[in-house]
Amino acid sequence: MAVLRDIVEEALFEARPYVEYYDRLRGEVFSLLKDVNSLEELISKVEAAVLEAEEPFKTDLRIFLQKLESLHEGHP
């Protein structure tokens, strides 16, 4: 779980310059993180959150998701 948290922290760090509502994004992501056991599960939860969110927060979630997926490619 510590590795997953590190990946999330890195994705948040990389997304931060591009998102409008960073604190909200961080809170949402860590809320989702409590309910998952793998990076794949977290990606699925974030994808579902994107579908439910409204703009402009939806864009923030998409940016985070892109960063998370790019980090996922480097962590099997």
N, C-alpha and C. Protein backbone atom coordinates (compact mmCIF):
# COMPACT_ATOMS: atom_id res chain seq x y z
N MET A 1 0.82 -1.20 0.00
CA MET A 1 0.00 0.00 0.00
C MET A 1 0.87 1.26 0.00
N ALA A 2 2.05 1.18 0.64
CA ALA A 2 2.95 2.34 0.67
C ALA A 2 3.43 2.68 -0.73
N VAL A 3 3.67 1.66 -1.55
CA VAL A 3 4.10 1.89 -2.93
C VAL A 3 2.99 2.60 -3.70
N LEU A 4 1.76 2.16 -3.51
CA LEU A 4 0.61 2.78 -4.18
C LEU A 4 0.48 4.24 -3.76
N ARG A 5 0.63 4.50 -2.48
CA ARG A 5 0.55 5.89 -1.99
C ARG A 5 1.66 6.74 -2.60
N ASP A 6 2.86 6.19 -2.72
CA ASP A 6 3.97 6.91 -3.34
C ASP A 6 3.67 7.26 -4.80
N ILE A 7 3.07 6.32 -5.52
CA ILE A 7 2.71 6.56 -6.91
C ILE A 7 1.66 7.66 -7.00
N VAL A 8 0.68 7.62 -6.11
CA VAL A 8 -0.36 8.66 -6.08
C VAL A 8 0.25 10.02 -5.77
N GLU A 9 1.14 10.07 -4.80
CA GLU A 9 1.81 11.33 -4.46
C GLU A 9 2.58 11.88 -5.66
N GLU A 10 3.26 11.00 -6.37
CA GLU A 10 4.02 11.44 -7.54
C GLU A 10 3.09 11.95 -8.64
N ALA A 11 1.99 11.26 -8.87
CA ALA A 11 1.02 11.70 -9.89
C ALA A 11 0.41 13.05 -9.50
N LEU A 12 0.09 13.22 -8.23
CA LEU A 12 -0.44 14.51 -7.76
C LEU A 12 0.59 15.62 -7.94
N PHE A 13 1.85 15.33 -7.62
CA PHE A 13 2.92 16.30 -7.79
C PHE A 13 3.04 16.73 -9.25
N GLU A 14 3.00 15.75 -10.16
CA GLU A 14 3.12 16.05 -11.58
C GLU A 14 1.90 16.79 -12.12
N ALA A 15 0.73 16.53 -11.56
CA ALA A 15 -0.50 17.17 -12.04
C ALA A 15 -0.69 18.58 -11.47
N ARG A 16 -0.10 18.84 -10.33
CA ARG A 16 -0.36 20.08 -9.60
C ARG A 16 -0.28 21.36 -10.44
N PRO A 17 0.74 21.54 -11.27
CA PRO A 17 0.81 22.80 -12.03
C PRO A 17 -0.35 22.99 -13.02
N TYR A 18 -1.05 21.93 -13.34
CA TYR A 18 -2.05 21.97 -14.40
C TYR A 18 -3.49 21.96 -13.90
N VAL A 19 -3.70 21.72 -12.61
CA VAL A 19 -5.06 21.59 -12.10
C VAL A 19 -5.50 22.86 -11.39
N GLU A 20 -6.81 23.10 -11.42
CA GLU A 20 -7.37 24.30 -10.82
C GLU A 20 -7.72 24.10 -9.35
N TYR A 21 -8.19 22.91 -9.02
CA TYR A 21 -8.67 22.62 -7.66
C TYR A 21 -7.82 21.52 -7.02
N TYR A 22 -6.57 21.84 -6.76
CA TYR A 22 -5.63 20.83 -6.26
C TYR A 22 -6.07 20.22 -4.93
N ASP A 23 -6.47 21.04 -3.98
CA ASP A 23 -6.85 20.51 -2.67
C ASP A 23 -8.05 19.57 -2.77
N ARG A 24 -9.01 19.94 -3.58
CA ARG A 24 -10.18 19.08 -3.80
C ARG A 24 -9.76 17.77 -4.47
N LEU A 25 -8.89 17.88 -5.46
CA LEU A 25 -8.40 16.69 -6.16
C LEU A 25 -7.67 15.76 -5.20
N ARG A 26 -6.80 16.31 -4.41
CA ARG A 26 -6.03 15.51 -3.45
C ARG A 26 -6.98 14.79 -2.48
N GLY A 27 -7.96 15.52 -1.98
CA GLY A 27 -8.93 14.92 -1.06
C GLY A 27 -9.72 13.79 -1.71
N GLU A 28 -10.16 14.02 -2.91
CA GLU A 28 -10.93 13.00 -3.65
C GLU A 28 -10.07 11.76 -3.90
N VAL A 29 -8.85 11.97 -4.33
CA VAL A 29 -7.96 10.84 -4.65
C VAL A 29 -7.67 10.02 -3.40
N PHE A 30 -7.38 10.68 -2.29
CA PHE A 30 -7.08 9.92 -1.07
C PHE A 30 -8.32 9.25 -0.50
N SER A 31 -9.48 9.82 -0.76
CA SER A 31 -10.73 9.15 -0.38
C SER A 31 -10.90 7.87 -1.18
N LEU A 32 -10.63 7.93 -2.47
CA LEU A 32 -10.72 6.75 -3.33
C LEU A 32 -9.66 5.72 -2.96
N LEU A 33 -8.50 6.19 -2.58
CA LEU A 33 -7.38 5.31 -2.25
C LEU A 33 -7.70 4.39 -1.07
N LYS A 34 -8.55 4.84 -0.17
CA LYS A 34 -8.92 4.04 1.00
C LYS A 34 -9.64 2.75 0.61
N ASP A 35 -10.30 2.76 -0.54
CA ASP A 35 -11.16 1.64 -0.95
C ASP A 35 -10.53 0.72 -1.98
N VAL A 36 -9.24 0.88 -2.26
CA VAL A 36 -8.61 0.06 -3.31
C VAL A 36 -7.38 -0.67 -2.77
N ASN A 37 -7.01 -1.73 -3.49
CA ASN A 37 -5.84 -2.51 -3.12
C ASN A 37 -4.78 -2.55 -4.21
N SER A 38 -5.08 -1.93 -5.35
CA SER A 38 -4.12 -1.96 -6.46
C SER A 38 -4.24 -0.68 -7.28
N LEU A 39 -3.22 -0.45 -8.07
CA LEU A 39 -3.21 0.71 -8.96
C LEU A 39 -4.32 0.60 -10.00
N GLU A 40 -4.56 -0.60 -10.49
CA GLU A 40 -5.62 -0.82 -11.48
C GLU A 40 -6.98 -0.45 -10.90
N GLU A 41 -7.23 -0.84 -9.66
CA GLU A 41 -8.50 -0.49 -9.01
C GLU A 41 -8.63 1.02 -8.85
N LEU A 42 -7.55 1.68 -8.49
CA LEU A 42 -7.59 3.13 -8.33
C LEU A 42 -7.88 3.80 -9.67
N ILE A 43 -7.24 3.35 -10.72
CA ILE A 43 -7.49 3.91 -12.05
C ILE A 43 -8.97 3.76 -12.41
N SER A 44 -9.55 2.61 -12.14
CA SER A 44 -10.97 2.38 -12.42
C SER A 44 -11.85 3.34 -11.61
N LYS A 45 -11.51 3.53 -10.34
CA LYS A 45 -12.29 4.44 -9.49
C LYS A 45 -12.18 5.89 -9.99
N VAL A 46 -10.99 6.29 -10.41
CA VAL A 46 -10.81 7.65 -10.92
C VAL A 46 -11.58 7.81 -12.23
N GLU A 47 -11.55 6.80 -13.09
CA GLU A 47 -12.32 6.85 -14.33
C GLU A 47 -13.81 7.03 -14.04
N ALA A 48 -14.32 6.32 -13.05
CA ALA A 48 -15.73 6.45 -12.66
C ALA A 48 -16.00 7.85 -12.11
N ALA A 49 -15.08 8.39 -11.34
CA ALA A 49 -15.23 9.74 -10.79
C ALA A 49 -15.26 10.78 -11.90
N VAL A 50 -14.47 10.57 -12.95
CA VAL A 50 -14.46 11.48 -14.10
C VAL A 50 -15.85 11.52 -14.73
N LEU A 51 -16.48 10.38 -14.87
CA LEU A 51 -17.80 10.31 -15.49
C LEU A 51 -18.86 11.05 -14.67
N GLU A 52 -18.69 11.06 -13.36
CA GLU A 52 -19.67 11.69 -12.47
C GLU A 52 -19.41 13.17 -12.22
N ALA A 53 -18.19 13.61 -12.40
CA ALA A 53 -17.80 14.98 -12.07
C ALA A 53 -18.30 15.97 -13.13
N GLU A 54 -18.38 17.22 -12.69
CA GLU A 54 -18.73 18.30 -13.61
C GLU A 54 -17.50 19.17 -13.83
N GLU A 55 -17.50 19.85 -14.97
CA GLU A 55 -16.40 20.77 -15.27
C GLU A 55 -16.43 21.92 -14.27
N PRO A 56 -15.33 22.48 -13.91
CA PRO A 56 -13.97 22.24 -14.38
C PRO A 56 -13.23 21.13 -13.60
N PHE A 57 -13.85 20.60 -12.54
CA PHE A 57 -13.17 19.57 -11.75
C PHE A 57 -12.95 18.29 -12.55
N LYS A 58 -13.83 18.04 -13.50
CA LYS A 58 -13.68 16.86 -14.37
C LYS A 58 -12.33 16.90 -15.09
N THR A 59 -11.94 18.08 -15.54
CA THR A 59 -10.66 18.24 -16.22
C THR A 59 -9.50 17.96 -15.26
N ASP A 60 -9.62 18.41 -14.03
CA ASP A 60 -8.58 18.12 -13.03
C ASP A 60 -8.42 16.62 -12.83
N LEU A 61 -9.53 15.91 -12.74
CA LEU A 61 -9.48 14.45 -12.59
C LEU A 61 -8.84 13.79 -13.81
N ARG A 62 -9.16 14.29 -14.99
CA ARG A 62 -8.57 13.73 -16.21
C ARG A 62 -7.06 13.93 -16.24
N ILE A 63 -6.62 15.10 -15.85
CA ILE A 63 -5.19 15.39 -15.81
C ILE A 63 -4.49 14.44 -14.84
N PHE A 64 -5.07 14.28 -13.65
CA PHE A 64 -4.50 13.36 -12.68
C PHE A 64 -4.48 11.94 -13.23
N LEU A 65 -5.56 11.53 -13.87
CA LEU A 65 -5.65 10.19 -14.43
C LEU A 65 -4.56 9.95 -15.47
N GLN A 66 -4.30 10.94 -16.32
CA GLN A 66 -3.23 10.81 -17.31
C GLN A 66 -1.88 10.61 -16.63
N LYS A 67 -1.62 11.39 -15.60
CA LYS A 67 -0.35 11.26 -14.87
C LYS A 67 -0.27 9.89 -14.19
N LEU A 68 -1.36 9.45 -13.60
CA LEU A 68 -1.39 8.16 -12.92
C LEU A 68 -1.16 7.02 -13.90
N GLU A 69 -1.81 7.09 -15.05
CA GLU A 69 -1.64 6.03 -16.05
C GLU A 69 -0.22 6.00 -16.60
N SER A 70 0.39 7.17 -16.77
CA SER A 70 1.76 7.18 -17.28
C SER A 70 2.72 6.58 -16.25
N LEU A 71 2.46 6.80 -14.98
CA LEU A 71 3.28 6.19 -13.93
C LEU A 71 3.01 4.69 -13.83
N HIS A 72 1.78 4.30 -14.10
CA HIS A 72 1.39 2.88 -14.06
C HIS A 72 2.19 2.08 -15.08
N GLU A 73 2.47 2.68 -16.22
CA GLU A 73 3.23 1.99 -17.26
C GLU A 73 4.63 1.62 -16.76
N GLY A 74 5.15 2.38 -15.82
CA GLY A 74 6.47 2.10 -15.29
C GLY A 74 6.48 1.21 -14.06
N HIS A 75 5.28 0.84 -13.56
CA HIS A 75 5.15 -0.01 -12.37
C HIS A 75 4.22 -1.17 -12.66
N PRO A 76 4.74 -2.34 -12.90
CA PRO A 76 3.87 -3.49 -13.23
C PRO A 76 2.98 -3.90 -12.07
